[in-house]
C-alpha atoms as a PDB file:
ATOM      1  CA  UNK A   1      73.407 101.869 121.332  1.00  0.00           C
ATOM      2  CA  UNK A   2      76.824 100.218 121.729  1.00  0.00           C
ATOM      3  CA  UNK A   3      75.314  96.826 120.898  1.00  0.00           C
ATOM      4  CA  UNK A   4      73.457  98.227 117.860  1.00  0.00           C
ATOM      5  CA  UNK A   5      76.611  99.823 116.466  1.00  0.00           C
ATOM      6  CA  UNK A   6      78.503  96.537 116.809  1.00  0.00           C
ATOM      7  CA  UNK A   7      75.773  94.480 115.116  1.00  0.00           C
ATOM      8  CA  UNK A   8      75.606  96.963 112.243  1.00  0.00           C
ATOM      9  CA  UNK A   9      79.397  96.816 111.958  1.00  0.00           C
ATOM     10  CA  UNK A  10      79.234  93.031 111.669  1.00  0.00           C
ATOM     11  CA  UNK A  11      76.244  92.749 109.338  1.00  0.00           C
ATOM     12  CA  UNK A  12      76.278  95.686 106.943  1.00  0.00           C
ATOM     13  CA  UNK A  13      79.417  94.831 104.953  1.00  0.00           C
ATOM     14  CA  UNK A  14      78.280  91.271 104.312  1.00  0.00           C
ATOM     15  CA  UNK A  15      74.482  91.445 104.098  1.00  0.00           C
ATOM     16  CA  UNK A  16      73.135  88.914 101.602  1.00  0.00           C
ATOM     17  CA  UNK A  17      73.276  91.278  98.622  1.00  0.00           C
ATOM     18  CA  UNK A  18      74.691  89.936  95.374  1.00  0.00           C
ATOM     19  CA  UNK A  19      77.874  91.727  94.402  1.00  0.00           C
ATOM     20  CA  UNK A  20      79.101  92.581  97.887  1.00  0.00           C
ATOM     21  CA  UNK A  21      82.788  93.433  97.440  1.00  0.00           C
ATOM     22  CA  UNK A  22      85.613  92.947  99.878  1.00  0.00           C
ATOM     23  CA  UNK A  23      87.695  96.022 100.611  1.00  0.00           C
ATOM     24  CA  UNK A  24      91.082  94.279 100.882  1.00  0.00           C
ATOM     25  CA  UNK A  25      93.161  92.705  98.153  1.00  0.00           C
ATOM     26  CA  UNK A  26      92.099  89.045  97.736  1.00  0.00           C
ATOM     27  CA  UNK A  27      95.466  88.207  96.173  1.00  0.00           C
ATOM     28  CA  UNK A  28      97.001  88.594  99.630  1.00  0.00           C
ATOM     29  CA  UNK A  29      94.074  87.620 101.849  1.00  0.00           C
ATOM     30  CA  UNK A  30      91.760  85.001 100.318  1.00  0.00           C
ATOM     31  CA  UNK A  31      88.820  86.056 102.480  1.00  0.00           C
ATOM     32  CA  UNK A  32      89.258  89.682 101.453  1.00  0.00           C
ATOM     33  CA  UNK A  33      90.690  91.012 104.725  1.00  0.00           C
ATOM     34  CA  UNK A  34      93.737  90.133 106.815  1.00  0.00           C
ATOM     35  CA  UNK A  35      92.970  87.681 109.613  1.00  0.00           C
ATOM     36  CA  UNK A  36      95.286  89.544 112.005  1.00  0.00           C
ATOM     37  CA  UNK A  37      95.141  91.680 113.979  1.00  0.00           C
ATOM     38  CA  UNK A  38      91.715  90.679 115.240  1.00  0.00           C
ATOM     39  CA  UNK A  39      89.879  92.972 117.620  1.00  0.00           C
ATOM     40  CA  UNK A  40      90.380  91.678 121.153  1.00  0.00           C
ATOM     41  CA  UNK A  41      87.106  92.311 122.876  1.00  0.00           C
ATOM     42  CA  UNK A  42      88.306  91.239 126.315  1.00  0.00           C
ATOM     43  CA  UNK A  43      91.662  90.098 127.706  1.00  0.00           C
ATOM     44  CA  UNK A  44      92.423  86.552 126.627  1.00  0.00           C
ATOM     45  CA  UNK A  45      93.407  85.476 130.152  1.00  0.00           C
ATOM     46  CA  UNK A  46      89.752  85.547 131.201  1.00  0.00           C
ATOM     47  CA  UNK A  47      88.201  82.133 131.831  1.00  0.00           C
ATOM     48  CA  UNK A  48      84.790  80.542 131.415  1.00  0.00           C
ATOM     49  CA  UNK A  49      84.017  81.686 134.960  1.00  0.00           C
ATOM     50  CA  UNK A  50      83.950  85.263 133.656  1.00  0.00           C
ATOM     51  CA  UNK A  51      81.073  84.461 131.262  1.00  0.00           C
ATOM     52  CA  UNK A  52      77.550  85.021 132.572  1.00  0.00           C
ATOM     53  CA  UNK A  53      74.285  84.463 130.753  1.00  0.00           C
ATOM     54  CA  UNK A  54      73.880  83.409 127.111  1.00  0.00           C
ATOM     55  CA  UNK A  55      76.808  82.976 124.766  1.00  0.00           C
ATOM     56  CA  UNK A  56      76.430  82.856 120.998  1.00  0.00           C
ATOM     57  CA  UNK A  57      78.580  83.031 117.888  1.00  0.00           C
ATOM     58  CA  UNK A  58      78.580  85.097 114.690  1.00  0.00           C
ATOM     59  CA  UNK A  59      80.805  83.860 111.868  1.00  0.00           C
ATOM     60  CA  UNK A  60      81.512  86.304 109.049  1.00  0.00           C
ATOM     61  CA  UNK A  61      82.553  84.232 106.032  1.00  0.00           C
ATOM     62  CA  UNK A  62      83.513  87.328 104.025  1.00  0.00           C
ATOM     63  CA  UNK A  63      86.007  88.595 106.615  1.00  0.00           C
ATOM     64  CA  UNK A  64      86.932  85.150 108.006  1.00  0.00           C
ATOM     65  CA  UNK A  65      86.213  86.209 111.584  1.00  0.00           C
ATOM     66  CA  UNK A  66      84.377  84.406 114.386  1.00  0.00           C
ATOM     67  CA  UNK A  67      82.901  86.638 117.103  1.00  0.00           C
ATOM     68  CA  UNK A  68      81.754  85.353 120.491  1.00  0.00           C
ATOM     69  CA  UNK A  69      78.865  87.289 122.046  1.00  0.00           C
ATOM     70  CA  UNK A  70      78.051  87.202 125.742  1.00  0.00           C
ATOM     71  CA  UNK A  71      74.520  88.398 126.473  1.00  0.00           C
ATOM     72  CA  UNK A  72      74.515  89.995 123.044  1.00  0.00           C
ATOM     73  CA  UNK A  73      77.712  91.963 123.653  1.00  0.00           C
ATOM     74  CA  UNK A  74      80.976  91.307 121.760  1.00  0.00           C
ATOM     75  CA  UNK A  75      83.322  89.268 123.932  1.00  0.00           C
ATOM     76  CA  UNK A  76      86.088  87.767 121.787  1.00  0.00           C
ATOM     77  CA  UNK A  77      87.065  87.472 118.137  1.00  0.00           C
ATOM     78  CA  UNK A  78      89.162  84.885 116.324  1.00  0.00           C
ATOM     79  CA  UNK A  79      90.440  84.460 112.748  1.00  0.00           C
ATOM     80  CA  UNK A  80      89.050  81.406 110.971  1.00  0.00           C
ATOM     81  CA  UNK A  81      89.197  79.530 107.684  1.00  0.00           C
ATOM     82  CA  UNK A  82      85.914  78.861 105.898  1.00  0.00           C
ATOM     83  CA  UNK A  83      84.733  76.782 102.954  1.00  0.00           C
ATOM     84  CA  UNK A  84      86.300  76.877  99.517  1.00  0.00           C
ATOM     85  CA  UNK A  85      84.158  78.383  96.719  1.00  0.00           C
ATOM     86  CA  UNK A  86      83.243  74.916  95.467  1.00  0.00           C
ATOM     87  CA  UNK A  87      82.388  73.717  99.007  1.00  0.00           C
ATOM     88  CA  UNK A  88      81.120  76.868 100.759  1.00  0.00           C
ATOM     89  CA  UNK A  89      80.333  77.188 104.438  1.00  0.00           C
ATOM     90  CA  UNK A  90      76.538  77.019 104.914  1.00  0.00           C
ATOM     91  CA  UNK A  91      75.042  80.392 105.823  1.00  0.00           C
ATOM     92  CA  UNK A  92      72.126  80.672 108.209  1.00  0.00           C
ATOM     93  CA  UNK A  93      71.039  80.354 111.827  1.00  0.00           C
ATOM     94  CA  UNK A  94      72.100  77.140 113.550  1.00  0.00           C
ATOM     95  CA  UNK A  95      72.880  75.737 116.985  1.00  0.00           C
ATOM     96  CA  UNK A  96      75.721  73.748 118.466  1.00  0.00           C
ATOM     97  CA  UNK A  97      74.514  70.156 118.398  1.00  0.00           C
ATOM     98  CA  UNK A  98      77.485  68.240 119.743  1.00  0.00           C
ATOM     99  CA  UNK A  99      80.841  68.914 121.383  1.00  0.00           C
ATOM    100  CA  UNK A 100      83.831  66.610 121.408  1.00  0.00           C
ATOM    101  CA  UNK A 101      87.550  66.617 122.173  1.00  0.00           C
ATOM    102  CA  UNK A 102      90.027  65.106 119.692  1.00  0.00           C
ATOM    103  CA  UNK A 103      87.081  64.112 117.497  1.00  0.00           C
ATOM    104  CA  UNK A 104      89.084  62.754 114.582  1.00  0.00           C
ATOM    105  CA  UNK A 105      92.067  63.165 112.297  1.00  0.00           C
ATOM    106  CA  UNK A 106      92.210  66.602 110.703  1.00  0.00           C
ATOM    107  CA  UNK A 107      89.718  68.184 113.116  1.00  0.00           C
ATOM    108  CA  UNK A 108      92.267  69.474 115.605  1.00  0.00           C
ATOM    109  CA  UNK A 109      91.780  69.306 119.336  1.00  0.00           C
ATOM    110  CA  UNK A 110      88.118  70.389 119.625  1.00  0.00           C
ATOM    111  CA  UNK A 111      84.872  69.922 117.674  1.00  0.00           C
ATOM    112  CA  UNK A 112      81.590  71.848 117.936  1.00  0.00           C
ATOM    113  CA  UNK A 113      79.094  70.274 115.550  1.00  0.00           C
ATOM    114  CA  UNK A 114      76.277  72.339 114.051  1.00  0.00           C
ATOM    115  CA  UNK A 115      72.721  71.258 113.241  1.00  0.00           C
ATOM    116  CA  UNK A 116      72.929  72.056 109.522  1.00  0.00           C
ATOM    117  CA  UNK A 117      70.075  69.989 108.030  1.00  0.00           C
ATOM    118  CA  UNK A 118      71.829  68.836 104.847  1.00  0.00           C
ATOM    119  CA  UNK A 119      75.286  67.791 105.999  1.00  0.00           C
ATOM    120  CA  UNK A 120      77.972  67.431 108.654  1.00  0.00           C
ATOM    121  CA  UNK A 121      79.476  70.822 109.488  1.00  0.00           C
ATOM    122  CA  UNK A 122      81.170  72.207 112.554  1.00  0.00           C
ATOM    123  CA  UNK A 123      83.689  74.523 114.170  1.00  0.00           C
ATOM    124  CA  UNK A 124      86.969  72.744 114.852  1.00  0.00           C
ATOM    125  CA  UNK A 125      90.715  72.977 115.151  1.00  0.00           C
ATOM    126  CA  UNK A 126      93.118  72.155 112.360  1.00  0.00           C
ATOM    127  CA  UNK A 127      96.443  70.550 111.541  1.00  0.00           C
ATOM    128  CA  UNK A 128      96.846  73.149 108.753  1.00  0.00           C
ATOM    129  CA  UNK A 129      97.189  76.433 110.659  1.00  0.00           C
ATOM    130  CA  UNK A 130      98.607  78.238 107.618  1.00  0.00           C
ATOM    131  CA  UNK A 131      95.126  78.068 106.021  1.00  0.00           C
ATOM    132  CA  UNK A 132      93.494  80.235 108.703  1.00  0.00           C
ATOM    133  CA  UNK A 133      92.196  83.436 107.129  1.00  0.00           C
ATOM    134  CA  UNK A 134      91.307  81.881 103.769  1.00  0.00           C
ATOM    135  CA  UNK A 135      88.764  79.820 101.864  1.00  0.00           C
ATOM    136  CA  UNK A 136      90.245  76.418 102.590  1.00  0.00           C
ATOM    137  CA  UNK A 137      87.768  73.903 104.037  1.00  0.00           C
ATOM    138  CA  UNK A 138      85.017  71.616 102.776  1.00  0.00           C
ATOM    139  CA  UNK A 139      82.504  73.873 104.517  1.00  0.00           C
ATOM    140  CA  UNK A 140      83.508  73.633 108.172  1.00  0.00           C
ATOM    141  CA  UNK A 141      84.934  76.537 110.154  1.00  0.00           C
ATOM    142  CA  UNK A 142      88.575  75.948 111.073  1.00  0.00           C
ATOM    143  CA  UNK A 143      90.369  77.641 113.960  1.00  0.00           C
ATOM    144  CA  UNK A 144      93.851  77.559 115.437  1.00  0.00           C
ATOM    145  CA  UNK A 145      93.887  74.783 118.021  1.00  0.00           C
ATOM    146  CA  UNK A 146      94.788  77.232 120.791  1.00  0.00           C
ATOM    147  CA  UNK A 147      91.801  79.403 119.820  1.00  0.00           C
ATOM    148  CA  UNK A 148      89.265  76.593 119.604  1.00  0.00           C
ATOM    149  CA  UNK A 149      90.472  75.364 122.998  1.00  0.00           C
ATOM    150  CA  UNK A 150      89.631  78.810 124.414  1.00  0.00           C
ATOM    151  CA  UNK A 151      86.273  78.786 122.644  1.00  0.00           C
ATOM    152  CA  UNK A 152      85.250  75.265 123.649  1.00  0.00           C
ATOM    153  CA  UNK A 153      84.366  75.856 127.330  1.00  0.00           C
ATOM    154  CA  UNK A 154      82.603  79.139 126.523  1.00  0.00           C
ATOM    155  CA  UNK A 155      80.036  77.648 124.158  1.00  0.00           C
ATOM    156  CA  UNK A 156      77.453  75.163 125.496  1.00  0.00           C
ATOM    157  CA  UNK A 157      75.446  72.671 123.472  1.00  0.00           C
ATOM    158  CA  UNK A 158      72.437  74.430 121.911  1.00  0.00           C
ATOM    159  CA  UNK A 159      74.236  77.795 121.733  1.00  0.00           C
ATOM    160  CA  UNK A 160      73.128  79.892 118.701  1.00  0.00           C
ATOM    161  CA  UNK A 161      75.532  80.145 115.765  1.00  0.00           C
ATOM    162  CA  UNK A 162      74.813  82.701 113.027  1.00  0.00           C
ATOM    163  CA  UNK A 163      76.834  82.380 109.824  1.00  0.00           C
ATOM    164  CA  UNK A 164      76.695  85.377 107.489  1.00  0.00           C
ATOM    165  CA  UNK A 165      78.085  86.141 104.068  1.00  0.00           C
ATOM    166  CA  UNK A 166      76.894  86.025 100.463  1.00  0.00           C
ATOM    167  CA  UNK A 167      74.887  82.941  99.495  1.00  0.00           C
ATOM    168  CA  UNK A 168      75.482  83.284  95.776  1.00  0.00           C
ATOM    169  CA  UNK A 169      78.742  85.054  94.928  1.00  0.00           C
ATOM    170  CA  UNK A 170      81.287  83.363  97.218  1.00  0.00           C
ATOM    171  CA  UNK A 171      80.940  79.971  95.573  1.00  0.00           C
ATOM    172  CA  UNK A 172      82.006  78.245  92.380  1.00  0.00           C
ATOM    173  CA  UNK A 173      80.133  78.796  90.180  1.00  0.00           C
ATOM    174  CA  UNK A 174      78.401  81.941  91.482  1.00  0.00           C
ATOM    175  CA  UNK A 175      74.623  81.821  91.134  1.00  0.00           C
ATOM    176  CA  UNK A 176      74.801  78.156  90.218  1.00  0.00           C
ATOM    177  CA  UNK A 177      71.758  76.679  88.471  1.00  0.00           C
ATOM    178  CA  UNK A 178      69.619  74.903  91.046  1.00  0.00           C
ATOM    179  CA  UNK A 179      67.507  71.822  90.412  1.00  0.00           C
ATOM    180  CA  UNK A 180      65.701  69.133  92.333  1.00  0.00           C
ATOM    181  CA  UNK A 181      67.748  67.322  95.007  1.00  0.00           C
ATOM    182  CA  UNK A 182      70.217  70.226  95.264  1.00  0.00           C
ATOM    183  CA  UNK A 183      70.947  71.419  98.776  1.00  0.00           C
ATOM    184  CA  UNK A 184      72.799  74.319 100.334  1.00  0.00           C
ATOM    185  CA  UNK A 185      72.379  77.769 101.779  1.00  0.00           C
ATOM    186  CA  UNK A 186      71.631  79.184  98.306  1.00  0.00           C
ATOM    187  CA  UNK A 187      68.698  76.756  98.053  1.00  0.00           C
ATOM    188  CA  UNK A 188      67.540  77.957 101.481  1.00  0.00           C
ATOM    189  CA  UNK A 189      67.653  81.596 100.331  1.00  0.00           C
ATOM    190  CA  UNK A 190      65.591  80.704  97.239  1.00  0.00           C
ATOM    191  CA  UNK A 191      63.072  78.964  99.509  1.00  0.00           C
ATOM    192  CA  UNK A 192      62.807  82.141 101.601  1.00  0.00           C
ATOM    193  CA  UNK A 193      62.279  84.253  98.483  1.00  0.00           C
ATOM    194  CA  UNK A 194      59.585  81.901  97.169  1.00  0.00           C
ATOM    195  CA  UNK A 195      57.910  81.984 100.580  1.00  0.00           C
ATOM    196  CA  UNK A 196      57.898  85.797 100.617  1.00  0.00           C
ATOM    197  CA  UNK A 197      56.162  85.748  97.225  1.00  0.00           C
ATOM    198  CA  UNK A 198      53.496  83.369  98.532  1.00  0.00           C
ATOM    199  CA  UNK A 199      54.662  80.559  96.236  1.00  0.00           C
ATOM    200  CA  UNK A 200      56.149  78.189  98.796  1.00  0.00           C
ATOM    201  CA  UNK A 201      54.930  77.029 102.190  1.00  0.00           C
ATOM    202  CA  UNK A 202      57.180  74.010 102.751  1.00  0.00           C
ATOM    203  CA  UNK A 203      60.232  73.602 104.961  1.00  0.00           C
ATOM    204  CA  UNK A 204      62.925  76.234 104.648  1.00  0.00           C
ATOM    205  CA  UNK A 205      65.772  73.806 105.172  1.00  0.00           C
ATOM    206  CA  UNK A 206      68.058  74.178 102.162  1.00  0.00           C
ATOM    207  CA  UNK A 207      66.913  70.989 100.379  1.00  0.00           C
ATOM    208  CA  UNK A 208      64.976  71.047  97.095  1.00  0.00           C
ATOM    209  CA  UNK A 209      62.073  68.587  97.298  1.00  0.00           C
ATOM    210  CA  UNK A 210      58.898  68.012  95.268  1.00  0.00           C
ATOM    211  CA  UNK A 211      56.928  70.793  96.996  1.00  0.00           C
ATOM    212  CA  UNK A 212      59.626  73.286  96.035  1.00  0.00           C
ATOM    213  CA  UNK A 213      59.536  71.979  92.468  1.00  0.00           C
ATOM    214  CA  UNK A 214      55.893  73.030  92.062  1.00  0.00           C
ATOM    215  CA  UNK A 215      56.729  76.458  93.483  1.00  0.00           C
ATOM    216  CA  UNK A 216      59.459  76.932  90.880  1.00  0.00           C
ATOM    217  CA  UNK A 217      57.055  76.033  88.066  1.00  0.00           C
ATOM    218  CA  UNK A 218      54.595  78.645  89.355  1.00  0.00           C
ATOM    219  CA  UNK A 219      57.320  81.279  89.633  1.00  0.00           C
ATOM    220  CA  UNK A 220      58.449  80.704  86.077  1.00  0.00           C
ATOM    221  CA  UNK A 221      54.877  80.758  84.745  1.00  0.00           C
ATOM    222  CA  UNK A 222      54.138  84.022  86.579  1.00  0.00           C
ATOM    223  CA  UNK A 223      57.100  85.708  84.873  1.00  0.00           C
ATOM    224  CA  UNK A 224      56.605  84.192  81.408  1.00  0.00           C
ATOM    225  CA  UNK A 225      59.659  81.937  81.630  1.00  0.00           C
ATOM    226  CA  UNK A 226      59.982  78.526  79.998  1.00  0.00           C
ATOM    227  CA  UNK A 227      58.403  75.678  81.944  1.00  0.00           C
ATOM    228  CA  UNK A 228      61.420  74.087  83.550  1.00  0.00           C
ATOM    229  CA  UNK A 229      62.385  72.886  87.008  1.00  0.00           C
ATOM    230  CA  UNK A 230      65.426  75.104  87.345  1.00  0.00           C
ATOM    231  CA  UNK A 231      66.486  78.266  89.126  1.00  0.00           C
ATOM    232  CA  UNK A 232      68.647  79.954  86.501  1.00  0.00           C
ATOM    233  CA  UNK A 233      69.568  83.560  85.738  1.00  0.00           C
ATOM    234  CA  UNK A 234      66.040  84.695  84.742  1.00  0.00           C
ATOM    235  CA  UNK A 235      64.544  82.934  87.765  1.00  0.00           C
ATOM    236  CA  UNK A 236      67.079  84.525  90.137  1.00  0.00           C
ATOM    237  CA  UNK A 237      66.127  87.923  88.709  1.00  0.00           C
ATOM    238  CA  UNK A 238      62.422  87.123  89.078  1.00  0.00           C
ATOM    239  CA  UNK A 239      63.087  86.386  92.739  1.00  0.00           C
ATOM    240  CA  UNK A 240      64.970  89.667  93.147  1.00  0.00           C
ATOM    241  CA  UNK A 241      68.196  87.864  94.031  1.00  0.00           C
ATOM    242  CA  UNK A 242      70.320  88.913  91.068  1.00  0.00           C
END
């Protein structure tokens, strides 16, 4: 029951429903809520030796919070910076693909790369700590260097990373028109919707290819829309996404 309550607390405010509203003033906190104080799940003096079993991560891009789970139970939380509206953090289920220390300029002291299929994204430190708690990056998840150094030994390669938020509203422009060769988590959500309608059986990987193109034509024909290879307002509504 305790685990269920926590998961509902994390997911319900930011479920992928267009129009989800933050409850804090964005003029003061770009991600909608203050990054501090963050709930301390366990005392920060604990070490990697205290962790047993599987560790995983949930990143809430609406609240700018990264939560570490140990065996499915909340263990630690940290404030983070996420992608700017024009370069949003990719939402979805991923895994840590690579870990490195002092990976490169601007990435802080630690790097945990994710297996996002359409680009290079990761969790890393920063030389701009004042940006933590806002929409500031090119899509990566930034942490204070001291926090990412705590996180680094807790998270092994192949650890699950779930990134949640709103695929369509927290970007610039919201509900952008999608066409062939576009990629992103909004494309992935459209692929899922097409699949649910029985119109698409290709890879759900966030990249618009030829097989998705045919699915879009069929969707538009089914709903009496103009024959065009675009996901626009009427097509979003036909998919039940707007």
